[in-house]
Amino acid sequence: MTDYPARDPNRQPMHPGALLREDVLPALRVSVTPAAEKLGVSRQTLHAILAERAAITPEMAMRIGKFCFNGPDIWPTRSRQYRR
Protein backbone atom coordinates (compact mmCIF):
# COMPACT_ATOMS: atom_id res chain seq x y z
CA MET A 1 0.00 0.00 0.00
CA THR A 2 1.25 3.48 -0.85
CA ASP A 3 1.69 6.02 1.92
CA TYR A 4 0.68 9.51 0.92
CA PRO A 5 1.99 12.59 2.71
CA ALA A 6 -0.48 14.48 4.88
CA ARG A 7 -2.26 17.30 3.09
CA ASP A 8 -0.91 20.73 3.92
CA PRO A 9 -3.76 22.45 5.83
CA ASN A 10 -2.65 25.84 4.44
CA ARG A 11 -3.04 24.72 0.83
CA GLN A 12 -6.21 25.82 -0.94
CA PRO A 13 -8.46 23.09 -2.40
CA MET A 14 -8.17 22.58 -6.15
CA HIS A 15 -10.96 23.90 -8.39
CA PRO A 16 -12.82 20.99 -10.01
CA GLY A 17 -12.06 22.49 -13.43
CA ALA A 18 -8.35 22.29 -12.70
CA LEU A 19 -8.74 18.62 -11.83
CA LEU A 20 -10.54 18.02 -15.12
CA ARG A 21 -7.97 20.03 -17.06
CA GLU A 22 -4.84 18.64 -15.43
CA ASP A 23 -5.76 15.01 -14.70
CA VAL A 24 -9.03 13.74 -16.15
CA LEU A 25 -8.99 14.91 -19.77
CA PRO A 26 -5.34 13.94 -20.35
CA ALA A 27 -5.93 10.53 -18.76
CA LEU A 28 -8.92 9.98 -21.04
CA ARG A 29 -6.92 11.40 -23.99
CA VAL A 30 -9.75 13.75 -24.87
CA SER A 31 -9.46 17.40 -25.86
CA VAL A 32 -11.97 20.13 -25.00
CA THR A 33 -14.13 19.98 -28.15
CA PRO A 34 -14.79 16.22 -28.11
CA ALA A 35 -15.27 16.30 -24.32
CA ALA A 36 -17.83 19.11 -24.66
CA GLU A 37 -19.67 17.14 -27.34
CA LYS A 38 -19.75 14.02 -25.15
CA LEU A 39 -20.96 16.10 -22.19
CA GLY A 40 -23.65 17.74 -24.30
CA VAL A 41 -22.47 21.29 -23.57
CA SER A 42 -20.85 24.01 -25.65
CA ARG A 43 -17.10 24.20 -25.89
CA GLN A 44 -17.29 27.64 -24.26
CA THR A 45 -19.17 26.22 -21.25
CA LEU A 46 -16.60 23.51 -20.70
CA HIS A 47 -13.73 25.94 -21.25
CA ALA A 48 -15.15 28.27 -18.56
CA ILE A 49 -15.09 25.37 -16.09
CA LEU A 50 -11.58 24.31 -17.13
CA ALA A 51 -10.37 27.93 -16.83
CA GLU A 52 -11.82 28.00 -13.28
CA ARG A 53 -14.28 30.78 -14.15
CA ALA A 54 -17.42 28.65 -13.68
CA ALA A 55 -18.59 26.31 -10.94
CA ILE A 56 -19.79 22.75 -11.39
CA THR A 57 -23.59 22.78 -11.26
CA PRO A 58 -25.49 19.68 -10.08
CA GLU A 59 -26.52 19.00 -13.70
CA MET A 60 -22.92 19.33 -14.89
CA ALA A 61 -21.80 17.06 -12.05
CA MET A 62 -24.15 14.37 -13.38
CA ARG A 63 -22.76 14.79 -16.89
CA ILE A 64 -19.13 14.72 -15.76
CA GLY A 65 -19.76 11.73 -13.52
CA LYS A 66 -21.16 9.75 -16.44
CA PHE A 67 -18.36 10.95 -18.71
CA CYS A 68 -15.64 9.93 -16.21
CA PHE A 69 -17.40 6.74 -15.10
CA ASN A 70 -17.14 7.78 -11.44
CA GLY A 71 -20.66 9.01 -10.71
CA PRO A 72 -21.89 12.50 -9.90
CA ASP A 73 -21.16 12.56 -6.16
CA ILE A 74 -17.48 13.51 -6.33
CA TRP A 75 -17.94 16.69 -8.39
CA PRO A 76 -20.30 18.73 -6.16
CA THR A 77 -18.14 17.78 -3.18
CA ARG A 78 -15.07 19.09 -4.97
CA SER A 79 -16.91 22.28 -5.85
CA ARG A 80 -18.02 22.84 -2.22
CA GLN A 81 -14.48 22.20 -0.94
CA TYR A 82 -13.11 24.74 -3.38
CA ARG A 83 -15.55 27.47 -2.32
CA ARG A 84 -14.47 27.30 1.32
C-alpha atoms as a PDB file:
ATOM      1  CA  MET A   1       0.000   0.000   0.000  1.00  0.00           C
ATOM      2  CA  THR A   2       1.253   3.481  -0.851  1.00  0.00           C
ATOM      3  CA  ASP A   3       1.689   6.018   1.918  1.00  0.00           C
ATOM      4  CA  TYR A   4       0.677   9.513   0.924  1.00  0.00           C
ATOM      5  CA  PRO A   5       1.986  12.591   2.706  1.00  0.00           C
ATOM      6  CA  ALA A   6      -0.478  14.483   4.881  1.00  0.00           C
ATOM      7  CA  ARG A   7      -2.261  17.305   3.094  1.00  0.00           C
ATOM      8  CA  ASP A   8      -0.912  20.733   3.924  1.00  0.00           C
ATOM      9  CA  PRO A   9      -3.758  22.454   5.831  1.00  0.00           C
ATOM     10  CA  ASN A  10      -2.653  25.836   4.437  1.00  0.00           C
ATOM     11  CA  ARG A  11      -3.036  24.718   0.828  1.00  0.00           C
ATOM     12  CA  GLN A  12      -6.210  25.818  -0.945  1.00  0.00           C
ATOM     13  CA  PRO A  13      -8.455  23.087  -2.403  1.00  0.00           C
ATOM     14  CA  MET A  14      -8.168  22.579  -6.152  1.00  0.00           C
ATOM     15  CA  HIS A  15     -10.959  23.904  -8.393  1.00  0.00           C
ATOM     16  CA  PRO A  16     -12.820  20.994 -10.013  1.00  0.00           C
ATOM     17  CA  GLY A  17     -12.063  22.488 -13.425  1.00  0.00           C
ATOM     18  CA  ALA A  18      -8.347  22.289 -12.697  1.00  0.00           C
ATOM     19  CA  LEU A  19      -8.743  18.616 -11.834  1.00  0.00           C
ATOM     20  CA  LEU A  20     -10.538  18.020 -15.117  1.00  0.00           C
ATOM     21  CA  ARG A  21      -7.966  20.028 -17.062  1.00  0.00           C
ATOM     22  CA  GLU A  22      -4.835  18.640 -15.426  1.00  0.00           C
ATOM     23  CA  ASP A  23      -5.761  15.014 -14.701  1.00  0.00           C
ATOM     24  CA  VAL A  24      -9.028  13.740 -16.148  1.00  0.00           C
ATOM     25  CA  LEU A  25      -8.993  14.915 -19.772  1.00  0.00           C
ATOM     26  CA  PRO A  26      -5.338  13.944 -20.346  1.00  0.00           C
ATOM     27  CA  ALA A  27      -5.930  10.529 -18.756  1.00  0.00           C
ATOM     28  CA  LEU A  28      -8.917   9.978 -21.044  1.00  0.00           C
ATOM     29  CA  ARG A  29      -6.922  11.396 -23.993  1.00  0.00           C
ATOM     30  CA  VAL A  30      -9.753  13.751 -24.874  1.00  0.00           C
ATOM     31  CA  SER A  31      -9.464  17.404 -25.864  1.00  0.00           C
ATOM     32  CA  VAL A  32     -11.969  20.134 -25.004  1.00  0.00           C
ATOM     33  CA  THR A  33     -14.127  19.983 -28.148  1.00  0.00           C
ATOM     34  CA  PRO A  34     -14.786  16.217 -28.107  1.00  0.00           C
ATOM     35  CA  ALA A  35     -15.273  16.305 -24.317  1.00  0.00           C
ATOM     36  CA  ALA A  36     -17.832  19.112 -24.657  1.00  0.00           C
ATOM     37  CA  GLU A  37     -19.666  17.142 -27.339  1.00  0.00           C
ATOM     38  CA  LYS A  38     -19.747  14.024 -25.146  1.00  0.00           C
ATOM     39  CA  LEU A  39     -20.959  16.100 -22.186  1.00  0.00           C
ATOM     40  CA  GLY A  40     -23.654  17.744 -24.302  1.00  0.00           C
ATOM     41  CA  VAL A  41     -22.470  21.292 -23.573  1.00  0.00           C
ATOM     42  CA  SER A  42     -20.854  24.005 -25.646  1.00  0.00           C
ATOM     43  CA  ARG A  43     -17.097  24.203 -25.893  1.00  0.00           C
ATOM     44  CA  GLN A  44     -17.293  27.636 -24.264  1.00  0.00           C
ATOM     45  CA  THR A  45     -19.173  26.223 -21.252  1.00  0.00           C
ATOM     46  CA  LEU A  46     -16.604  23.508 -20.701  1.00  0.00           C
ATOM     47  CA  HIS A  47     -13.734  25.938 -21.249  1.00  0.00           C
ATOM     48  CA  ALA A  48     -15.152  28.271 -18.561  1.00  0.00           C
ATOM     49  CA  ILE A  49     -15.089  25.365 -16.094  1.00  0.00           C
ATOM     50  CA  LEU A  50     -11.581  24.313 -17.129  1.00  0.00           C
ATOM     51  CA  ALA A  51     -10.374  27.929 -16.832  1.00  0.00           C
ATOM     52  CA  GLU A  52     -11.820  28.002 -13.282  1.00  0.00           C
ATOM     53  CA  ARG A  53     -14.280  30.781 -14.149  1.00  0.00           C
ATOM     54  CA  ALA A  54     -17.420  28.648 -13.678  1.00  0.00           C
ATOM     55  CA  ALA A  55     -18.590  26.309 -10.941  1.00  0.00           C
ATOM     56  CA  ILE A  56     -19.785  22.749 -11.394  1.00  0.00           C
ATOM     57  CA  THR A  57     -23.593  22.781 -11.256  1.00  0.00           C
ATOM     58  CA  PRO A  58     -25.489  19.683 -10.083  1.00  0.00           C
ATOM     59  CA  GLU A  59     -26.524  19.004 -13.696  1.00  0.00           C
ATOM     60  CA  MET A  60     -22.924  19.331 -14.892  1.00  0.00           C
ATOM     61  CA  ALA A  61     -21.803  17.055 -12.054  1.00  0.00           C
ATOM     62  CA  MET A  62     -24.154  14.370 -13.378  1.00  0.00           C
ATOM     63  CA  ARG A  63     -22.759  14.785 -16.886  1.00  0.00           C
ATOM     64  CA  ILE A  64     -19.129  14.723 -15.765  1.00  0.00           C
ATOM     65  CA  GLY A  65     -19.761  11.732 -13.517  1.00  0.00           C
ATOM     66  CA  LYS A  66     -21.160   9.754 -16.440  1.00  0.00           C
ATOM     67  CA  PHE A  67     -18.356  10.948 -18.710  1.00  0.00           C
ATOM     68  CA  CYS A  68     -15.643   9.932 -16.214  1.00  0.00           C
ATOM     69  CA  PHE A  69     -17.404   6.735 -15.100  1.00  0.00           C
ATOM     70  CA  ASN A  70     -17.141   7.780 -11.439  1.00  0.00           C
ATOM     71  CA  GLY A  71     -20.655   9.008 -10.710  1.00  0.00           C
ATOM     72  CA  PRO A  72     -21.885  12.499  -9.904  1.00  0.00           C
ATOM     73  CA  ASP A  73     -21.161  12.560  -6.163  1.00  0.00           C
ATOM     74  CA  ILE A  74     -17.475  13.505  -6.335  1.00  0.00           C
ATOM     75  CA  TRP A  75     -17.944  16.687  -8.385  1.00  0.00           C
ATOM     76  CA  PRO A  76     -20.299  18.734  -6.157  1.00  0.00           C
ATOM     77  CA  THR A  77     -18.141  17.776  -3.177  1.00  0.00           C
ATOM     78  CA  ARG A  78     -15.074  19.088  -4.972  1.00  0.00           C
ATOM     79  CA  SER A  79     -16.914  22.281  -5.847  1.00  0.00           C
ATOM     80  CA  ARG A  80     -18.019  22.838  -2.215  1.00  0.00           C
ATOM     81  CA  GLN A  81     -14.485  22.202  -0.937  1.00  0.00           C
ATOM     82  CA  TYR A  82     -13.108  24.740  -3.383  1.00  0.00           C
ATOM     83  CA  ARG A  83     -15.553  27.472  -2.316  1.00  0.00           C
ATOM     84  CA  ARG A  84     -14.474  27.301   1.322  1.00  0.00           C
END
